[in-house]
Amino acid sequence: PSTVLKSTKTKMSMYIRVKRQKQTVFLQCDPSDTIMSLKRKLASINNLEIKEIKLVLIEDGIALDNDKTVRECKLDATDGSVVALLYQDNTLEAGWESIDIHDYKNFSSTEVKE
């Protein structure tokens, strides 16, 4: 018979769906990860600086706070949460591009609320 040792400290890993235009990233994270740590991963994937990206919860258009955790933001891919990835665009008055996600419930012109 074999014995399986299980750690008493387990992490509950999950995936967050992040979209921008035609790109979708399923980002592995833990509920205790901060939004800043998600942005760090996404910046690396997209060859950008962290300050050049913003994450926005699509359903309500609210920008996610860097210091909050995934749990605090109530992000969960299993319940359909989708996060938009926005790039900084200093040519625009707001300084950020608009949400532009192809084929997502007609949210292509959702306005971002700070």
Foldseek 3Di string as FASTA:
>chain_A
DDDDDDDPDDFDKAWAWEFAAADIDTDIDTQAAFVLVVLVVVCVVVVHDSVFKWKAWLVQQETGDRGHGNVVVVTHVVVPTYIYIWGADCVDPVRIDAGQYPPDPPSRHPHHDD
